[in-house]
């Protein structure tokens, strides 16, 4: 077995402790030709593996490939064994760092009686619907606030489908036609 240098031990140990075993960033002071040589030796021994970097997740970049993509360095399982870290321990630590706990079910908003939102819903559920002027008169809101409430609170949060149509003699009329399932 090849004896590891102090620099190699630092790089590989740090990489083994990072999420996804990414070996970057390299230690301070190691750059340029020295970094290339050290990394090249570790790749040749099979301790590091050069893989495509996921720039959207902010993975550090080792080198650019020239086509708008880049690569990063990952510590291999063979390396972990070489520095004396058992794979079971590494996978357990990674599981603790990145728990895959299920997110709790989102709390459904409740409709409260006697609020302006409840008044708006009652106006829009009426068979004849409601014009913007009627909504403004009932709630005291400005037109942009009423439209925002219909789109955001009623449409997105409560899952109600609000439609609007121009009717002869009344102008634009808004109605709630159904709830999104």
C-alpha atoms as a PDB file:
ATOM      1  CA  UNK A   1       0.000   0.000   0.000  1.00  0.00           C
ATOM      2  CA  UNK A   2       1.266   3.472  -0.867  1.00  0.00           C
ATOM      3  CA  UNK A   3       2.038   5.752   2.041  1.00  0.00           C
ATOM      4  CA  UNK A   4      -0.054   8.919   2.079  1.00  0.00           C
ATOM      5  CA  UNK A   5       1.600  12.306   2.345  1.00  0.00           C
ATOM      6  CA  UNK A   6       0.393  14.841   4.886  1.00  0.00           C
ATOM      7  CA  UNK A   7      -1.251  16.900   2.129  1.00  0.00           C
ATOM      8  CA  UNK A   8      -3.051  13.859   0.759  1.00  0.00           C
ATOM      9  CA  UNK A   9      -4.305  12.924   4.231  1.00  0.00           C
ATOM     10  CA  UNK A  10      -5.643  16.460   4.764  1.00  0.00           C
ATOM     11  CA  UNK A  11      -7.417  16.521   1.383  1.00  0.00           C
ATOM     12  CA  UNK A  12      -8.904  13.050   1.710  1.00  0.00           C
ATOM     13  CA  UNK A  13      -9.946  13.400   5.359  1.00  0.00           C
ATOM     14  CA  UNK A  14     -11.654  16.728   4.704  1.00  0.00           C
ATOM     15  CA  UNK A  15     -13.422  15.282   1.661  1.00  0.00           C
ATOM     16  CA  UNK A  16     -14.633  12.274   3.644  1.00  0.00           C
ATOM     17  CA  UNK A  17     -16.341  14.632   6.104  1.00  0.00           C
ATOM     18  CA  UNK A  18     -18.142  16.775   3.515  1.00  0.00           C
ATOM     19  CA  UNK A  19     -21.554  16.054   2.005  1.00  0.00           C
ATOM     20  CA  UNK A  20     -21.307  13.725  -0.999  1.00  0.00           C
ATOM     21  CA  UNK A  21     -17.571  13.231  -0.183  1.00  0.00           C
ATOM     22  CA  UNK A  22     -16.519  16.251  -2.275  1.00  0.00           C
ATOM     23  CA  UNK A  23     -12.777  16.877  -1.845  1.00  0.00           C
ATOM     24  CA  UNK A  24     -12.922  20.595  -2.650  1.00  0.00           C
ATOM     25  CA  UNK A  25     -11.927  23.189  -1.568  1.00  0.00           C
ATOM     26  CA  UNK A  26      -8.300  22.167  -1.309  1.00  0.00           C
ATOM     27  CA  UNK A  27      -6.262  23.295   1.717  1.00  0.00           C
ATOM     28  CA  UNK A  28      -5.056  26.901   1.779  1.00  0.00           C
ATOM     29  CA  UNK A  29      -1.718  27.337   0.089  1.00  0.00           C
ATOM     30  CA  UNK A  30      -2.201  24.398  -2.258  1.00  0.00           C
ATOM     31  CA  UNK A  31      -2.837  25.764  -5.734  1.00  0.00           C
ATOM     32  CA  UNK A  32      -1.461  25.863  -9.222  1.00  0.00           C
ATOM     33  CA  UNK A  33       0.981  23.162 -10.330  1.00  0.00           C
ATOM     34  CA  UNK A  34       1.336  21.719  -6.819  1.00  0.00           C
ATOM     35  CA  UNK A  35      -2.423  21.175  -6.563  1.00  0.00           C
ATOM     36  CA  UNK A  36      -2.521  19.635 -10.044  1.00  0.00           C
ATOM     37  CA  UNK A  37       0.264  17.211  -9.167  1.00  0.00           C
ATOM     38  CA  UNK A  38      -1.227  16.198  -5.812  1.00  0.00           C
ATOM     39  CA  UNK A  39      -4.694  15.674  -7.286  1.00  0.00           C
ATOM     40  CA  UNK A  40      -3.248  13.860 -10.305  1.00  0.00           C
ATOM     41  CA  UNK A  41      -1.467  11.356  -8.049  1.00  0.00           C
ATOM     42  CA  UNK A  42      -4.623  10.765  -5.994  1.00  0.00           C
ATOM     43  CA  UNK A  43      -6.679  10.208  -9.163  1.00  0.00           C
ATOM     44  CA  UNK A  44      -4.019   7.766 -10.437  1.00  0.00           C
ATOM     45  CA  UNK A  45      -4.204   5.806  -7.163  1.00  0.00           C
ATOM     46  CA  UNK A  46      -8.016   5.754  -7.396  1.00  0.00           C
ATOM     47  CA  UNK A  47      -8.535   7.833  -4.252  1.00  0.00           C
ATOM     48  CA  UNK A  48     -10.213  10.734  -6.048  1.00  0.00           C
ATOM     49  CA  UNK A  49     -12.627  10.629  -8.919  1.00  0.00           C
ATOM     50  CA  UNK A  50     -13.323  13.526 -11.266  1.00  0.00           C
ATOM     51  CA  UNK A  51     -17.101  13.842 -11.837  1.00  0.00           C
ATOM     52  CA  UNK A  52     -19.400  16.393 -13.450  1.00  0.00           C
ATOM     53  CA  UNK A  53     -20.118  19.239 -11.040  1.00  0.00           C
ATOM     54  CA  UNK A  54     -23.706  20.197 -10.293  1.00  0.00           C
ATOM     55  CA  UNK A  55     -23.374  23.972 -10.442  1.00  0.00           C
ATOM     56  CA  UNK A  56     -27.051  24.468  -9.527  1.00  0.00           C
ATOM     57  CA  UNK A  57     -26.376  22.923  -6.124  1.00  0.00           C
ATOM     58  CA  UNK A  58     -23.258  25.044  -5.740  1.00  0.00           C
ATOM     59  CA  UNK A  59     -20.731  22.235  -5.921  1.00  0.00           C
ATOM     60  CA  UNK A  60     -17.178  23.577  -6.073  1.00  0.00           C
ATOM     61  CA  UNK A  61     -15.457  23.480  -9.431  1.00  0.00           C
ATOM     62  CA  UNK A  62     -12.114  21.693  -9.973  1.00  0.00           C
ATOM     63  CA  UNK A  63     -11.753  22.517 -13.647  1.00  0.00           C
ATOM     64  CA  UNK A  64     -13.847  23.719 -16.562  1.00  0.00           C
ATOM     65  CA  UNK A  65     -14.403  21.307 -19.424  1.00  0.00           C
ATOM     66  CA  UNK A  66     -14.774  24.049 -22.024  1.00  0.00           C
ATOM     67  CA  UNK A  67     -18.410  23.390 -22.926  1.00  0.00           C
ATOM     68  CA  UNK A  68     -19.897  25.500 -20.148  1.00  0.00           C
ATOM     69  CA  UNK A  69     -19.656  22.646 -17.660  1.00  0.00           C
ATOM     70  CA  UNK A  70     -17.097  21.695 -15.080  1.00  0.00           C
ATOM     71  CA  UNK A  71     -15.887  18.881 -12.893  1.00  0.00           C
ATOM     72  CA  UNK A  72     -15.423  18.405  -9.184  1.00  0.00           C
ATOM     73  CA  UNK A  73     -13.428  15.891  -7.166  1.00  0.00           C
ATOM     74  CA  UNK A  74     -15.065  13.151  -5.090  1.00  0.00           C
ATOM     75  CA  UNK A  75     -13.367  10.916  -2.537  1.00  0.00           C
ATOM     76  CA  UNK A  76     -13.797   7.240  -3.528  1.00  0.00           C
ATOM     77  CA  UNK A  77     -14.667   4.292  -1.306  1.00  0.00           C
ATOM     78  CA  UNK A  78     -11.161   2.896  -1.923  1.00  0.00           C
ATOM     79  CA  UNK A  79      -9.734   6.109  -0.497  1.00  0.00           C
ATOM     80  CA  UNK A  80     -11.891   5.889   2.602  1.00  0.00           C
ATOM     81  CA  UNK A  81     -10.550   2.420   3.241  1.00  0.00           C
ATOM     82  CA  UNK A  82      -6.987   3.658   2.592  1.00  0.00           C
ATOM     83  CA  UNK A  83      -7.255   6.341   5.274  1.00  0.00           C
ATOM     84  CA  UNK A  84      -8.906   3.918   7.691  1.00  0.00           C
ATOM     85  CA  UNK A  85     -12.521   5.058   7.598  1.00  0.00           C
ATOM     86  CA  UNK A  86     -15.077   2.299   7.473  1.00  0.00           C
ATOM     87  CA  UNK A  87     -17.755   2.709   4.801  1.00  0.00           C
ATOM     88  CA  UNK A  88     -20.564   1.935   7.266  1.00  0.00           C
ATOM     89  CA  UNK A  89     -19.489   4.848   9.467  1.00  0.00           C
ATOM     90  CA  UNK A  90     -19.279   7.216   6.496  1.00  0.00           C
ATOM     91  CA  UNK A  91     -22.739   6.270   5.238  1.00  0.00           C
ATOM     92  CA  UNK A  92     -24.194   6.636   8.737  1.00  0.00           C
ATOM     93  CA  UNK A  93     -22.645  10.087   9.155  1.00  0.00           C
ATOM     94  CA  UNK A  94     -23.939  11.098   5.719  1.00  0.00           C
ATOM     95  CA  UNK A  95     -27.424   9.905   6.652  1.00  0.00           C
ATOM     96  CA  UNK A  96     -27.303  11.947   9.862  1.00  0.00           C
ATOM     97  CA  UNK A  97     -26.130  15.040   7.965  1.00  0.00           C
ATOM     98  CA  UNK A  98     -28.772  14.722   5.248  1.00  0.00           C
ATOM     99  CA  UNK A  99     -31.870  13.257   6.879  1.00  0.00           C
ATOM    100  CA  UNK A 100     -34.549  12.219   4.440  1.00  0.00           C
ATOM    101  CA  UNK A 101     -37.307  12.901   6.912  1.00  0.00           C
ATOM    102  CA  UNK A 102     -40.688  13.288   5.386  1.00  0.00           C
ATOM    103  CA  UNK A 103     -41.987  16.807   5.433  1.00  0.00           C
ATOM    104  CA  UNK A 104     -45.196  17.165   7.402  1.00  0.00           C
ATOM    105  CA  UNK A 105     -48.435  17.662   5.510  1.00  0.00           C
ATOM    106  CA  UNK A 106     -49.053  21.350   4.846  1.00  0.00           C
ATOM    107  CA  UNK A 107     -51.701  22.856   7.095  1.00  0.00           C
ATOM    108  CA  UNK A 108     -54.804  23.771   5.160  1.00  0.00           C
ATOM    109  CA  UNK A 109     -55.912  27.377   5.713  1.00  0.00           C
ATOM    110  CA  UNK A 110     -59.197  27.749   7.522  1.00  0.00           C
ATOM    111  CA  UNK A 111     -62.038  29.967   6.457  1.00  0.00           C
ATOM    112  CA  UNK A 112     -63.172  32.271   9.249  1.00  0.00           C
ATOM    113  CA  UNK A 113     -66.661  33.696   9.408  1.00  0.00           C
ATOM    114  CA  UNK A 114     -67.192  37.442   9.669  1.00  0.00           C
ATOM    115  CA  UNK A 115     -64.021  38.474   7.831  1.00  0.00           C
ATOM    116  CA  UNK A 116     -63.686  40.466   4.633  1.00  0.00           C
ATOM    117  CA  UNK A 117     -62.400  37.305   2.968  1.00  0.00           C
ATOM    118  CA  UNK A 118     -65.576  35.444   4.004  1.00  0.00           C
ATOM    119  CA  UNK A 119     -67.637  38.364   2.692  1.00  0.00           C
ATOM    120  CA  UNK A 120     -65.747  38.207  -0.620  1.00  0.00           C
ATOM    121  CA  UNK A 121     -66.371  34.453  -0.891  1.00  0.00           C
ATOM    122  CA  UNK A 122     -70.103  34.936  -0.216  1.00  0.00           C
ATOM    123  CA  UNK A 123     -70.313  37.636  -2.890  1.00  0.00           C
ATOM    124  CA  UNK A 124     -68.519  35.480  -5.456  1.00  0.00           C
ATOM    125  CA  UNK A 125     -70.546  32.326  -4.681  1.00  0.00           C
ATOM    126  CA  UNK A 126     -73.833  34.059  -5.348  1.00  0.00           C
ATOM    127  CA  UNK A 127     -75.409  32.886  -8.628  1.00  0.00           C
ATOM    128  CA  UNK A 128     -75.238  36.399 -10.084  1.00  0.00           C
ATOM    129  CA  UNK A 129     -71.569  36.817  -9.044  1.00  0.00           C
ATOM    130  CA  UNK A 130     -70.165  40.220  -8.132  1.00  0.00           C
ATOM    131  CA  UNK A 131     -68.791  43.182 -10.011  1.00  0.00           C
ATOM    132  CA  UNK A 132     -65.618  44.930  -8.912  1.00  0.00           C
ATOM    133  CA  UNK A 133     -67.688  47.904  -7.782  1.00  0.00           C
ATOM    134  CA  UNK A 134     -69.797  45.666  -5.515  1.00  0.00           C
ATOM    135  CA  UNK A 135     -66.670  44.018  -4.078  1.00  0.00           C
ATOM    136  CA  UNK A 136     -65.070  47.421  -3.387  1.00  0.00           C
ATOM    137  CA  UNK A 137     -68.256  48.709  -1.726  1.00  0.00           C
ATOM    138  CA  UNK A 138     -68.630  45.600   0.477  1.00  0.00           C
ATOM    139  CA  UNK A 139     -64.997  45.207   1.572  1.00  0.00           C
ATOM    140  CA  UNK A 140     -63.640  48.744   1.425  1.00  0.00           C
ATOM    141  CA  UNK A 141     -60.640  47.487  -0.518  1.00  0.00           C
ATOM    142  CA  UNK A 142     -59.147  49.097  -3.576  1.00  0.00           C
ATOM    143  CA  UNK A 143     -59.532  47.236  -6.878  1.00  0.00           C
ATOM    144  CA  UNK A 144     -55.957  45.940  -6.945  1.00  0.00           C
ATOM    145  CA  UNK A 145     -56.338  44.565  -3.407  1.00  0.00           C
ATOM    146  CA  UNK A 146     -59.562  42.772  -4.329  1.00  0.00           C
ATOM    147  CA  UNK A 147     -57.964  41.221  -7.420  1.00  0.00           C
ATOM    148  CA  UNK A 148     -54.953  40.180  -5.343  1.00  0.00           C
ATOM    149  CA  UNK A 149     -57.208  38.551  -2.733  1.00  0.00           C
ATOM    150  CA  UNK A 150     -59.087  36.639  -5.443  1.00  0.00           C
ATOM    151  CA  UNK A 151     -55.870  35.431  -7.039  1.00  0.00           C
ATOM    152  CA  UNK A 152     -53.758  34.789  -3.956  1.00  0.00           C
ATOM    153  CA  UNK A 153     -55.925  34.026  -0.951  1.00  0.00           C
ATOM    154  CA  UNK A 154     -58.861  32.448  -2.749  1.00  0.00           C
ATOM    155  CA  UNK A 155     -57.148  30.915  -5.762  1.00  0.00           C
ATOM    156  CA  UNK A 156     -53.751  29.832  -4.506  1.00  0.00           C
ATOM    157  CA  UNK A 157     -54.278  29.316  -0.777  1.00  0.00           C
ATOM    158  CA  UNK A 158     -57.870  28.122  -0.557  1.00  0.00           C
ATOM    159  CA  UNK A 159     -57.978  26.381  -3.937  1.00  0.00           C
ATOM    160  CA  UNK A 160     -61.080  28.158  -5.224  1.00  0.00           C
ATOM    161  CA  UNK A 161     -61.491  28.783  -8.950  1.00  0.00           C
ATOM    162  CA  UNK A 162     -62.489  32.392  -9.566  1.00  0.00           C
ATOM    163  CA  UNK A 163     -63.643  33.255 -13.072  1.00  0.00           C
ATOM    164  CA  UNK A 164     -64.469  36.562 -14.659  1.00  0.00           C
ATOM    165  CA  UNK A 165     -66.601  37.326 -17.672  1.00  0.00           C
ATOM    166  CA  UNK A 166     -67.936  40.485 -19.281  1.00  0.00           C
ATOM    167  CA  UNK A 167     -71.708  40.646 -19.120  1.00  0.00           C
ATOM    168  CA  UNK A 168     -73.806  43.061 -21.130  1.00  0.00           C
ATOM    169  CA  UNK A 169     -75.036  45.888 -18.919  1.00  0.00           C
ATOM    170  CA  UNK A 170     -72.988  44.887 -15.832  1.00  0.00           C
ATOM    171  CA  UNK A 171     -69.373  44.912 -16.990  1.00  0.00           C
ATOM    172  CA  UNK A 172     -66.933  42.335 -15.671  1.00  0.00           C
ATOM    173  CA  UNK A 173     -68.499  39.867 -13.230  1.00  0.00           C
ATOM    174  CA  UNK A 174     -66.473  37.595 -10.940  1.00  0.00           C
ATOM    175  CA  UNK A 175     -67.694  34.182  -9.703  1.00  0.00           C
ATOM    176  CA  UNK A 176     -66.414  31.190  -7.780  1.00  0.00           C
ATOM    177  CA  UNK A 177     -67.276  28.161  -9.881  1.00  0.00           C
ATOM    178  CA  UNK A 178     -65.681  25.291  -7.956  1.00  0.00           C
ATOM    179  CA  UNK A 179     -62.876  24.219  -5.650  1.00  0.00           C
ATOM    180  CA  UNK A 180     -59.708  22.602  -6.977  1.00  0.00           C
ATOM    181  CA  UNK A 181     -59.604  18.967  -5.878  1.00  0.00           C
END
